[in-house]
Amino acid sequence: MRAEFPEEENEIRIIEPEINEGDEVVLTEGPMAGMKTIVTRLMSGQDRVRVLLEWLGEEREAEVSLDSLRIPGEIRGKMR
């Protein structure tokens, strides 16, 4: 995410990184914080996605909030 400072306007716009299906992401909240995973599906009309997790030797899909993900190497603080 980066802040953009338009010269003609008096407002700050926040530009969020776009996450797509197939992207590698890192969970930032909950008991699996720090785990790398893959986005398998975007949930239309929601701020949620499905990710693929390895759990007890099996791969499973889980639904998580977009706020609980970051792209590896991305530096951002919690805005909400």
PDB file of N, CA and C in Angstrom:
ATOM      1  N   MET A   1       0.849  -1.166   0.000  1.00  0.00           N
ATOM      2  CA  MET A   1       0.000   0.000   0.000  1.00  0.00           C
ATOM      3  C   MET A   1       0.893   1.226   0.000  1.00  0.00           C
ATOM      4  N   ARG A   2       0.467   2.235  -0.695  1.00  0.00           N
ATOM      5  CA  ARG A   2       1.208   3.494  -0.656  1.00  0.00           C
ATOM      6  C   ARG A   2       0.214   4.635  -0.685  1.00  0.00           C
ATOM      7  N   ALA A   3       0.603   5.731  -0.102  1.00  0.00           N
ATOM      8  CA  ALA A   3      -0.249   6.916  -0.108  1.00  0.00           C
ATOM      9  C   ALA A   3       0.121   7.755  -1.311  1.00  0.00           C
ATOM     10  N   GLU A   4      -0.883   8.298  -1.956  1.00  0.00           N
ATOM     11  CA  GLU A   4      -0.676   9.155  -3.122  1.00  0.00           C
ATOM     12  C   GLU A   4      -1.147  10.548  -2.745  1.00  0.00           C
ATOM     13  N   PHE A   5      -0.346  11.552  -3.042  1.00  0.00           N
ATOM     14  CA  PHE A   5      -0.671  12.920  -2.693  1.00  0.00           C
ATOM     15  C   PHE A   5      -0.939  13.732  -3.955  1.00  0.00           C
ATOM     16  N   PRO A   6      -2.179  13.782  -4.404  1.00  0.00           N
ATOM     17  CA  PRO A   6      -2.502  14.551  -5.610  1.00  0.00           C
ATOM     18  C   PRO A   6      -2.300  16.041  -5.376  1.00  0.00           C
ATOM     19  N   GLU A   7      -1.708  16.720  -6.340  1.00  0.00           N
ATOM     20  CA  GLU A   7      -1.438  18.148  -6.200  1.00  0.00           C
ATOM     21  C   GLU A   7      -2.710  18.981  -6.272  1.00  0.00           C
ATOM     22  N   GLU A   8      -3.670  18.543  -7.094  1.00  0.00           N
ATOM     23  CA  GLU A   8      -4.867  19.350  -7.302  1.00  0.00           C
ATOM     24  C   GLU A   8      -5.925  19.156  -6.224  1.00  0.00           C
ATOM     25  N   GLU A   9      -5.801  18.104  -5.433  1.00  0.00           N
ATOM     26  CA  GLU A   9      -6.833  17.798  -4.448  1.00  0.00           C
ATOM     27  C   GLU A   9      -6.250  17.890  -3.041  1.00  0.00           C
ATOM     28  N   ASN A  10      -7.122  18.037  -2.069  1.00  0.00           N
ATOM     29  CA  ASN A  10      -6.693  18.129  -0.679  1.00  0.00           C
ATOM     30  C   ASN A  10      -6.959  16.841   0.090  1.00  0.00           C
ATOM     31  N   GLU A  11      -6.939  15.710  -0.593  1.00  0.00           N
ATOM     32  CA  GLU A  11      -7.197  14.450   0.079  1.00  0.00           C
ATOM     33  C   GLU A  11      -6.084  13.453  -0.223  1.00  0.00           C
ATOM     34  N   ILE A  12      -5.917  12.522   0.666  1.00  0.00           N
ATOM     35  CA  ILE A  12      -4.931  11.453   0.485  1.00  0.00           C
ATOM     36  C   ILE A  12      -5.685  10.213   0.029  1.00  0.00           C
ATOM     37  N   ARG A  13      -5.203   9.575  -1.008  1.00  0.00           N
ATOM     38  CA  ARG A  13      -5.791   8.329  -1.483  1.00  0.00           C
ATOM     39  C   ARG A  13      -4.871   7.185  -1.093  1.00  0.00           C
ATOM     40  N   ILE A  14      -5.440   6.123  -0.523  1.00  0.00           N
ATOM     41  CA  ILE A  14      -4.676   4.935  -0.162  1.00  0.00           C
ATOM     42  C   ILE A  14      -4.836   3.920  -1.292  1.00  0.00           C
ATOM     43  N   ILE A  15      -3.725   3.435  -1.809  1.00  0.00           N
ATOM     44  CA  ILE A  15      -3.746   2.454  -2.891  1.00  0.00           C
ATOM     45  C   ILE A  15      -3.359   1.106  -2.305  1.00  0.00           C
ATOM     46  N   GLU A  16      -4.318   0.193  -2.247  1.00  0.00           N
ATOM     47  CA  GLU A  16      -4.087  -1.134  -1.695  1.00  0.00           C
ATOM     48  C   GLU A  16      -3.496  -2.047  -2.775  1.00  0.00           C
ATOM     49  N   PRO A  17      -2.580  -2.938  -2.383  1.00  0.00           N
ATOM     50  CA  PRO A  17      -2.080  -3.891  -3.367  1.00  0.00           C
ATOM     51  C   PRO A  17      -3.198  -4.844  -3.761  1.00  0.00           C
ATOM     52  N   GLU A  18      -3.239  -5.217  -5.014  1.00  0.00           N
ATOM     53  CA  GLU A  18      -4.267  -6.110  -5.500  1.00  0.00           C
ATOM     54  C   GLU A  18      -3.821  -7.542  -5.291  1.00  0.00           C
ATOM     55  N   ILE A  19      -4.693  -8.358  -4.731  1.00  0.00           N
ATOM     56  CA  ILE A  19      -4.415  -9.784  -4.539  1.00  0.00           C
ATOM     57  C   ILE A  19      -5.264 -10.549  -5.537  1.00  0.00           C
ATOM     58  N   ASN A  20      -4.637 -11.488  -6.228  1.00  0.00           N
ATOM     59  CA  ASN A  20      -5.312 -12.278  -7.251  1.00  0.00           C
ATOM     60  C   ASN A  20      -5.219 -13.764  -6.930  1.00  0.00           C
ATOM     61  N   GLU A  21      -6.087 -14.551  -7.566  1.00  0.00           N
ATOM     62  CA  GLU A  21      -6.011 -16.005  -7.426  1.00  0.00           C
ATOM     63  C   GLU A  21      -4.636 -16.470  -7.884  1.00  0.00           C
ATOM     64  N   GLY A  22      -4.048 -17.388  -7.117  1.00  0.00           N
ATOM     65  CA  GLY A  22      -2.733 -17.924  -7.440  1.00  0.00           C
ATOM     66  C   GLY A  22      -1.589 -17.182  -6.773  1.00  0.00           C
ATOM     67  N   ASP A  23      -1.861 -16.011  -6.169  1.00  0.00           N
ATOM     68  CA  ASP A  23      -0.813 -15.238  -5.486  1.00  0.00           C
ATOM     69  C   ASP A  23      -0.389 -15.925  -4.200  1.00  0.00           C
ATOM     70  N   GLU A  24       0.900 -15.851  -3.890  1.00  0.00           N
ATOM     71  CA  GLU A  24       1.394 -16.303  -2.597  1.00  0.00           C
ATOM     72  C   GLU A  24       1.218 -15.158  -1.616  1.00  0.00           C
ATOM     73  N   VAL A  25       0.653 -15.457  -0.450  1.00  0.00           N
ATOM     74  CA  VAL A  25       0.419 -14.464   0.586  1.00  0.00           C
ATOM     75  C   VAL A  25       0.857 -15.032   1.928  1.00  0.00           C
ATOM     76  N   VAL A  26       0.938 -14.152   2.926  1.00  0.00           N
ATOM     77  CA  VAL A  26       1.286 -14.549   4.286  1.00  0.00           C
ATOM     78  C   VAL A  26       0.132 -14.168   5.202  1.00  0.00           C
ATOM     79  N   LEU A  27      -0.284 -15.102   6.062  1.00  0.00           N
ATOM     80  CA  LEU A  27      -1.313 -14.811   7.050  1.00  0.00           C
ATOM     81  C   LEU A  27      -0.704 -13.941   8.144  1.00  0.00           C
ATOM     82  N   THR A  28      -1.419 -12.913   8.575  1.00  0.00           N
ATOM     83  CA  THR A  28      -0.883 -11.988   9.574  1.00  0.00           C
ATOM     84  C   THR A  28      -1.624 -12.046  10.904  1.00  0.00           C
ATOM     85  N   GLU A  29      -2.704 -12.815  10.986  1.00  0.00           N
ATOM     86  CA  GLU A  29      -3.503 -12.878  12.206  1.00  0.00           C
ATOM     87  C   GLU A  29      -3.866 -14.321  12.517  1.00  0.00           C
ATOM     88  N   GLY A  30      -4.224 -14.566  13.750  1.00  0.00           N
ATOM     89  CA  GLY A  30      -4.718 -15.875  14.159  1.00  0.00           C
ATOM     90  C   GLY A  30      -3.609 -16.860  14.476  1.00  0.00           C
ATOM     91  N   PRO A  31      -3.992 -18.099  14.757  1.00  0.00           N
ATOM     92  CA  PRO A  31      -3.025 -19.110  15.176  1.00  0.00           C
ATOM     93  C   PRO A  31      -2.024 -19.504  14.090  1.00  0.00           C
ATOM     94  N   MET A  32      -2.310 -19.181  12.845  1.00  0.00           N
ATOM     95  CA  MET A  32      -1.400 -19.531  11.753  1.00  0.00           C
ATOM     96  C   MET A  32      -0.680 -18.312  11.197  1.00  0.00           C
ATOM     97  N   ALA A  33      -0.608 -17.244  11.974  1.00  0.00           N
ATOM     98  CA  ALA A  33       0.090 -16.020  11.550  1.00  0.00           C
ATOM     99  C   ALA A  33       1.525 -16.372  11.168  1.00  0.00           C
ATOM    100  N   GLY A  34       1.964 -15.813  10.035  1.00  0.00           N
ATOM    101  CA  GLY A  34       3.311 -16.063   9.533  1.00  0.00           C
ATOM    102  C   GLY A  34       3.378 -17.172   8.495  1.00  0.00           C
ATOM    103  N   MET A  35       2.299 -17.936   8.342  1.00  0.00           N
ATOM    104  CA  MET A  35       2.278 -19.037   7.375  1.00  0.00           C
ATOM    105  C   MET A  35       2.080 -18.509   5.963  1.00  0.00           C
ATOM    106  N   LYS A  36       2.899 -19.001   5.029  1.00  0.00           N
ATOM    107  CA  LYS A  36       2.711 -18.667   3.613  1.00  0.00           C
ATOM    108  C   LYS A  36       1.667 -19.601   3.033  1.00  0.00           C
ATOM    109  N   THR A  37       0.840 -19.051   2.173  1.00  0.00           N
ATOM    110  CA  THR A  37      -0.226 -19.824   1.547  1.00  0.00           C
ATOM    111  C   THR A  37      -0.525 -19.252   0.166  1.00  0.00           C
ATOM    112  N   ILE A  38      -1.410 -19.901  -0.564  1.00  0.00           N
ATOM    113  CA  ILE A  38      -1.785 -19.497  -1.919  1.00  0.00           C
ATOM    114  C   ILE A  38      -3.264 -19.139  -1.949  1.00  0.00           C
ATOM    115  N   VAL A  39      -3.596 -18.017  -2.603  1.00  0.00           N
ATOM    116  CA  VAL A  39      -4.998 -17.622  -2.783  1.00  0.00           C
ATOM    117  C   VAL A  39      -5.611 -18.522  -3.847  1.00  0.00           C
ATOM    118  N   THR A  40      -6.702 -19.208  -3.480  1.00  0.00           N
ATOM    119  CA  THR A  40      -7.353 -20.104  -4.436  1.00  0.00           C
ATOM    120  C   THR A  40      -8.613 -19.520  -5.049  1.00  0.00           C
ATOM    121  N   ARG A  41      -9.264 -18.574  -4.319  1.00  0.00           N
ATOM    122  CA  ARG A  41     -10.496 -18.002  -4.866  1.00  0.00           C
ATOM    123  C   ARG A  41     -10.802 -16.671  -4.196  1.00  0.00           C
ATOM    124  N   LEU A  42     -11.202 -15.696  -4.997  1.00  0.00           N
ATOM    125  CA  LEU A  42     -11.676 -14.415  -4.490  1.00  0.00           C
ATOM    126  C   LEU A  42     -13.169 -14.539  -4.259  1.00  0.00           C
ATOM    127  N   MET A  43     -13.644 -14.076  -3.129  1.00  0.00           N
ATOM    128  CA  MET A  43     -15.063 -14.151  -2.804  1.00  0.00           C
ATOM    129  C   MET A  43     -15.715 -12.859  -3.283  1.00  0.00           C
ATOM    130  N   SER A  44     -16.525 -12.931  -4.315  1.00  0.00           N
ATOM    131  CA  SER A  44     -17.072 -11.725  -4.930  1.00  0.00           C
ATOM    132  C   SER A  44     -17.983 -10.973  -3.961  1.00  0.00           C
ATOM    133  N   GLY A  45     -17.801  -9.652  -3.951  1.00  0.00           N
ATOM    134  CA  GLY A  45     -18.633  -8.793  -3.117  1.00  0.00           C
ATOM    135  C   GLY A  45     -18.285  -8.818  -1.643  1.00  0.00           C
ATOM    136  N   GLN A  46     -17.194  -9.485  -1.274  1.00  0.00           N
ATOM    137  CA  GLN A  46     -16.794  -9.567   0.126  1.00  0.00           C
ATOM    138  C   GLN A  46     -15.326  -9.201   0.243  1.00  0.00           C
ATOM    139  N   ASP A  47     -14.896  -8.879   1.444  1.00  0.00           N
ATOM    140  CA  ASP A  47     -13.479  -8.627   1.696  1.00  0.00           C
ATOM    141  C   ASP A  47     -12.831  -9.898   2.210  1.00  0.00           C
ATOM    142  N   ARG A  48     -13.131 -11.019   1.544  1.00  0.00           N
ATOM    143  CA  ARG A  48     -12.624 -12.319   1.964  1.00  0.00           C
ATOM    144  C   ARG A  48     -12.101 -13.085   0.754  1.00  0.00           C
ATOM    145  N   VAL A  49     -11.186 -14.008   1.024  1.00  0.00           N
ATOM    146  CA  VAL A  49     -10.653 -14.895  -0.011  1.00  0.00           C
ATOM    147  C   VAL A  49     -10.538 -16.297   0.572  1.00  0.00           C
ATOM    148  N   ARG A  50     -10.401 -17.278  -0.315  1.00  0.00           N
ATOM    149  CA  ARG A  50     -10.114 -18.646   0.113  1.00  0.00           C
ATOM    150  C   ARG A  50      -8.643 -18.896  -0.163  1.00  0.00           C
ATOM    151  N   VAL A  51      -7.988 -19.543   0.811  1.00  0.00           N
ATOM    152  CA  VAL A  51      -6.570 -19.856   0.691  1.00  0.00           C
ATOM    153  C   VAL A  51      -6.367 -21.347   0.938  1.00  0.00           C
ATOM    154  N   LEU A  52      -5.260 -21.869   0.435  1.00  0.00           N
ATOM    155  CA  LEU A  52      -4.924 -23.275   0.588  1.00  0.00           C
ATOM    156  C   LEU A  52      -3.949 -23.418   1.741  1.00  0.00           C
ATOM    157  N   LEU A  53      -4.332 -24.192   2.759  1.00  0.00           N
ATOM    158  CA  LEU A  53      -3.503 -24.406   3.935  1.00  0.00           C
ATOM    159  C   LEU A  53      -3.107 -25.870   4.050  1.00  0.00           C
ATOM    160  N   GLU A  54      -1.901 -26.117   4.516  1.00  0.00           N
ATOM    161  CA  GLU A  54      -1.513 -27.484   4.844  1.00  0.00           C
ATOM    162  C   GLU A  54      -1.783 -27.663   6.326  1.00  0.00           C
ATOM    163  N   TRP A  55      -2.646 -28.604   6.659  1.00  0.00           N
ATOM    164  CA  TRP A  55      -3.069 -28.822   8.028  1.00  0.00           C
ATOM    165  C   TRP A  55      -3.044 -30.316   8.331  1.00  0.00           C
ATOM    166  N   LEU A  56      -2.230 -30.716   9.276  1.00  0.00           N
ATOM    167  CA  LEU A  56      -2.100 -32.114   9.678  1.00  0.00           C
ATOM    168  C   LEU A  56      -1.795 -33.012   8.487  1.00  0.00           C
ATOM    169  N   GLY A  57      -0.897 -32.551   7.630  1.00  0.00           N
ATOM    170  CA  GLY A  57      -0.461 -33.345   6.487  1.00  0.00           C
ATOM    171  C   GLY A  57      -1.399 -33.341   5.299  1.00  0.00           C
ATOM    172  N   GLU A  58      -2.475 -32.594   5.367  1.00  0.00           N
ATOM    173  CA  GLU A  58      -3.432 -32.521   4.259  1.00  0.00           C
ATOM    174  C   GLU A  58      -3.595 -31.069   3.826  1.00  0.00           C
ATOM    175  N   GLU A  59      -3.924 -30.871   2.564  1.00  0.00           N
ATOM    176  CA  GLU A  59      -4.213 -29.525   2.071  1.00  0.00           C
ATOM    177  C   GLU A  59      -5.707 -29.268   2.188  1.00  0.00           C
ATOM    178  N   ARG A  60      -6.025 -28.115   2.754  1.00  0.00           N
ATOM    179  CA  ARG A  60      -7.423 -27.725   2.941  1.00  0.00           C
ATOM    180  C   ARG A  60      -7.590 -26.265   2.581  1.00  0.00           C
ATOM    181  N   GLU A  61      -8.806 -25.925   2.120  1.00  0.00           N
ATOM    182  CA  GLU A  61      -9.112 -24.518   1.846  1.00  0.00           C
ATOM    183  C   GLU A  61      -9.741 -23.892   3.086  1.00  0.00           C
ATOM    184  N   ALA A  62      -9.423 -22.639   3.304  1.00  0.00           N
ATOM    185  CA  ALA A  62     -10.013 -21.877   4.403  1.00  0.00           C
ATOM    186  C   ALA A  62     -10.356 -20.487   3.892  1.00  0.00           C
ATOM    187  N   GLU A  63     -11.410 -19.906   4.447  1.00  0.00           N
ATOM    188  CA  GLU A  63     -11.829 -18.558   4.078  1.00  0.00           C
ATOM    189  C   GLU A  63     -11.258 -17.588   5.108  1.00  0.00           C
ATOM    190  N   VAL A  64     -10.582 -16.537   4.631  1.00  0.00           N
ATOM    191  CA  VAL A  64      -9.977 -15.550   5.529  1.00  0.00           C
ATOM    192  C   VAL A  64     -10.267 -14.141   5.027  1.00  0.00           C
ATOM    193  N   SER A  65     -10.121 -13.184   5.911  1.00  0.00           N
ATOM    194  CA  SER A  65     -10.308 -11.778   5.579  1.00  0.00           C
ATOM    195  C   SER A  65      -9.108 -11.254   4.799  1.00  0.00           C
ATOM    196  N   LEU A  66      -9.356 -10.369   3.842  1.00  0.00           N
ATOM    197  CA  LEU A  66      -8.263  -9.716   3.124  1.00  0.00           C
ATOM    198  C   LEU A  66      -7.365  -8.938   4.072  1.00  0.00           C
ATOM    199  N   ASP A  67      -7.946  -8.414   5.162  1.00  0.00           N
ATOM    200  CA  ASP A  67      -7.160  -7.661   6.143  1.00  0.00           C
ATOM    201  C   ASP A  67      -6.139  -8.529   6.864  1.00  0.00           C
ATOM    202  N   SER A  68      -6.330  -9.854   6.825  1.00  0.00           N
ATOM    203  CA  SER A  68      -5.414 -10.748   7.537  1.00  0.00           C
ATOM    204  C   SER A  68      -4.324 -11.315   6.622  1.00  0.00           C
ATOM    205  N   LEU A  69      -4.156 -10.723   5.443  1.00  0.00           N
ATOM    206  CA  LEU A  69      -3.156 -11.187   4.479  1.00  0.00           C
ATOM    207  C   LEU A  69      -2.204 -10.065   4.104  1.00  0.00           C
ATOM    208  N   ARG A  70      -0.994 -10.444   3.738  1.00  0.00           N
ATOM    209  CA  ARG A  70      -0.074  -9.495   3.116  1.00  0.00           C
ATOM    210  C   ARG A  70       0.722 -10.248   2.058  1.00  0.00           C
ATOM    211  N   ILE A  71       1.205  -9.513   1.088  1.00  0.00           N
ATOM    212  CA  ILE A  71       2.048 -10.075   0.043  1.00  0.00           C
ATOM    213  C   ILE A  71       3.463 -10.154   0.607  1.00  0.00           C
ATOM    214  N   PRO A  72       4.166 -11.287   0.446  1.00  0.00           N
ATOM    215  CA  PRO A  72       5.537 -11.382   0.990  1.00  0.00           C
ATOM    216  C   PRO A  72       6.390 -10.211   0.522  1.00  0.00           C
ATOM    217  N   GLY A  73       7.124  -9.612   1.452  1.00  0.00           N
ATOM    218  CA  GLY A  73       7.967  -8.463   1.138  1.00  0.00           C
ATOM    219  C   GLY A  73       7.262  -7.132   1.286  1.00  0.00           C
ATOM    220  N   GLU A  74       5.951  -7.149   1.388  1.00  0.00           N
ATOM    221  CA  GLU A  74       5.176  -5.910   1.541  1.00  0.00           C
ATOM    222  C   GLU A  74       5.281  -5.442   2.986  1.00  0.00           C
ATOM    223  N   ILE A  75       5.499  -4.159   3.158  1.00  0.00           N
ATOM    224  CA  ILE A  75       5.554  -3.572   4.487  1.00  0.00           C
ATOM    225  C   ILE A  75       4.338  -2.687   4.641  1.00  0.00           C
ATOM    226  N   ARG A  76       3.503  -3.011   5.599  1.00  0.00           N
ATOM    227  CA  ARG A  76       2.334  -2.164   5.839  1.00  0.00           C
ATOM    228  C   ARG A  76       1.889  -2.326   7.276  1.00  0.00           C
ATOM    229  N   GLY A  77       1.290  -1.269   7.780  1.00  0.00           N
ATOM    230  CA  GLY A  77       0.707  -1.315   9.115  1.00  0.00           C
ATOM    231  C   GLY A  77      -0.771  -1.507   8.992  1.00  0.00           C
ATOM    232  N   LYS A  78      -1.403  -1.891  10.058  1.00  0.00           N
ATOM    233  CA  LYS A  78      -2.847  -2.085  10.053  1.00  0.00           C
ATOM    234  C   LYS A  78      -3.526  -0.720  10.014  1.00  0.00           C
ATOM    235  N   MET A  79      -4.392  -0.511   9.046  1.00  0.00           N
ATOM    236  CA  MET A  79      -5.017   0.788   8.840  1.00  0.00           C
ATOM    237  C   MET A  79      -6.383   0.895   9.508  1.00  0.00           C
ATOM    238  N   ARG A  80      -6.982  -0.218   9.882  1.00  0.00           N
ATOM    239  CA  ARG A  80      -8.348  -0.159  10.429  1.00  0.00           C
ATOM    240  C   ARG A  80      -8.369  -0.369  11.903  1.00  0.00           C
TER     241      ARG A  80
END
